[in-house]
Amino acid sequence: MAAHVIITLAERHAQIRQEKLEALAVKVMSDLKKQCLTAHELGRRELTWGSVVPGIMVGCEEDMDDVLVIFAKIIEHDGDAGGFNKIEWCKARAPTQWVDSPARFGSHMQIRVHWGDNALEYLS
């Protein structure tokens, strides 16, 4: 017989927070794909895109860091599934650099993505 698992209130709050952060990251991914689709329709296969990194509480560093990590996992997984060929993150502190690891500057992130001709289904 399966035992009932009882979670504490703190664990439930952490679970709710995680679900909200994941939803925010999925929304950012949806926005990025929408813009990539527009670029694809214009014949381009690369997009440099910027966004405010959302959080549950506006300006919360921990929330923005967590959303960025979740978003990076989503975009990396999607890339493995036939999405983006190359993903670059802007490290905006002077001197500006494009790096392979997720980066943000304050509450903003910039990302450059590349995809192939066969990515239309993925972007739709």
Protein backbone atom coordinates (compact mmCIF):
# COMPACT_ATOMS: atom_id res chain seq x y z
CA MET A 1 0.00 0.00 0.00
CA ALA A 2 1.35 3.42 -0.94
CA ALA A 3 2.09 5.76 1.91
CA HIS A 4 0.66 9.25 1.84
CA VAL A 5 3.26 11.93 1.43
CA ILE A 6 2.62 14.99 3.50
CA ILE A 7 4.47 18.12 2.53
CA THR A 8 5.05 21.07 4.77
CA LEU A 9 3.66 24.52 4.12
CA ALA A 10 7.15 25.76 3.27
CA GLU A 11 7.58 22.95 0.72
CA ARG A 12 4.22 23.81 -0.83
CA HIS A 13 5.17 27.49 -1.08
CA ALA A 14 8.47 26.52 -2.71
CA GLN A 15 6.60 24.31 -5.18
CA ILE A 16 4.17 27.12 -6.05
CA ARG A 17 7.08 29.55 -6.51
CA GLN A 18 8.85 27.10 -8.81
CA GLU A 19 5.71 26.65 -10.92
CA LYS A 20 5.32 30.43 -11.27
CA LEU A 21 8.98 30.83 -12.27
CA GLU A 22 8.63 28.06 -14.86
CA ALA A 23 5.54 29.75 -16.31
CA LEU A 24 7.46 33.03 -16.61
CA ALA A 25 10.35 31.29 -18.38
CA VAL A 26 7.96 29.55 -20.79
CA LYS A 27 6.38 32.94 -21.59
CA VAL A 28 9.81 34.42 -22.38
CA MET A 29 10.51 31.43 -24.65
CA SER A 30 7.17 31.89 -26.38
CA ASP A 31 7.93 35.57 -27.00
CA LEU A 32 11.36 34.71 -28.42
CA LYS A 33 9.97 32.06 -30.76
CA LYS A 34 7.30 34.47 -31.99
CA GLN A 35 9.96 37.02 -32.94
CA CYS A 36 12.12 34.31 -34.53
CA LEU A 37 9.16 33.21 -36.64
CA THR A 38 8.73 36.77 -37.90
CA ALA A 39 12.44 36.94 -38.76
CA HIS A 40 12.23 33.52 -40.45
CA GLU A 41 9.35 34.72 -42.62
CA LEU A 42 11.55 37.67 -43.66
CA GLY A 43 14.23 35.23 -44.81
CA ARG A 44 16.57 35.61 -41.85
CA ARG A 45 18.07 32.79 -39.83
CA GLU A 46 19.49 34.82 -36.95
CA LEU A 47 17.94 37.13 -34.38
CA THR A 48 19.42 39.31 -31.67
CA TRP A 49 16.67 39.83 -29.13
CA GLY A 50 16.42 41.57 -25.79
CA SER A 51 13.97 41.22 -22.97
CA VAL A 52 13.38 42.16 -19.39
CA VAL A 53 13.89 39.09 -17.24
CA PRO A 54 10.63 38.66 -15.35
CA GLY A 55 10.26 37.75 -11.73
CA ILE A 56 7.42 37.03 -9.34
CA MET A 57 8.39 40.19 -7.47
CA VAL A 58 9.61 43.02 -9.68
CA GLY A 59 13.34 43.54 -9.31
CA CYS A 60 13.93 40.44 -7.18
CA GLU A 61 17.45 39.26 -8.07
CA GLU A 62 16.77 35.68 -6.95
CA ASP A 63 13.63 35.44 -9.10
CA MET A 64 15.41 36.83 -12.17
CA ASP A 65 18.35 34.46 -11.68
CA ASP A 66 16.01 31.49 -11.34
CA VAL A 67 13.93 32.46 -14.40
CA LEU A 68 17.13 32.88 -16.43
CA VAL A 69 18.35 29.41 -15.42
CA ILE A 70 14.99 27.83 -16.28
CA PHE A 71 14.82 29.72 -19.59
CA ALA A 72 18.37 28.59 -20.44
CA LYS A 73 17.41 24.96 -19.80
CA ILE A 74 14.32 25.30 -21.99
CA ILE A 75 16.19 26.91 -24.87
CA GLU A 76 19.04 24.40 -24.63
CA HIS A 77 16.60 21.47 -24.61
CA ASP A 78 14.71 22.96 -27.55
CA GLY A 79 17.98 23.41 -29.42
CA ASP A 80 18.71 19.73 -28.98
CA ALA A 81 15.22 19.00 -30.34
CA GLY A 82 15.89 20.70 -33.68
CA GLY A 83 15.41 24.32 -32.72
CA PHE A 84 18.35 26.68 -32.50
CA ASN A 85 21.76 25.81 -33.94
CA LYS A 86 23.65 28.38 -31.90
CA ILE A 87 22.75 30.41 -28.81
CA GLU A 88 24.81 33.36 -27.59
CA TRP A 89 24.22 35.49 -24.50
CA CYS A 90 25.31 39.10 -24.19
CA LYS A 91 27.55 39.79 -21.23
CA ALA A 92 26.84 43.51 -21.17
CA ARG A 93 29.36 44.75 -18.63
CA ALA A 94 32.14 46.57 -20.44
CA PRO A 95 33.68 45.24 -22.53
CA THR A 96 30.58 43.68 -24.05
CA GLN A 97 31.04 40.03 -25.02
CA TRP A 98 28.90 37.29 -26.52
CA VAL A 99 29.23 34.17 -24.38
CA ASP A 100 27.81 30.63 -24.35
CA SER A 101 26.48 30.76 -20.79
CA PRO A 102 23.35 32.60 -19.63
CA ALA A 103 23.95 36.20 -18.63
CA ARG A 104 21.90 39.22 -17.73
CA PHE A 105 22.69 42.84 -16.96
CA GLY A 106 20.46 44.12 -14.21
CA SER A 107 16.97 43.07 -15.21
CA HIS A 108 17.77 42.77 -18.93
CA MET A 109 19.08 40.00 -21.11
CA GLN A 110 20.09 39.93 -24.73
CA ILE A 111 20.38 36.75 -26.69
CA ARG A 112 21.44 35.95 -30.24
CA VAL A 113 20.00 32.78 -31.74
CA HIS A 114 20.68 31.05 -35.05
CA TRP A 115 18.49 28.44 -36.73
CA GLY A 116 18.35 26.53 -39.99
CA ASP A 117 15.88 26.51 -42.86
CA ASN A 118 14.12 23.47 -41.40
CA ALA A 119 13.17 25.21 -38.12
CA LEU A 120 9.83 26.59 -39.34
CA GLU A 121 7.84 23.84 -37.64
CA TYR A 122 9.76 24.36 -34.40
CA LEU A 123 9.14 28.12 -34.43
CA SER A 124 5.43 27.79 -35.21
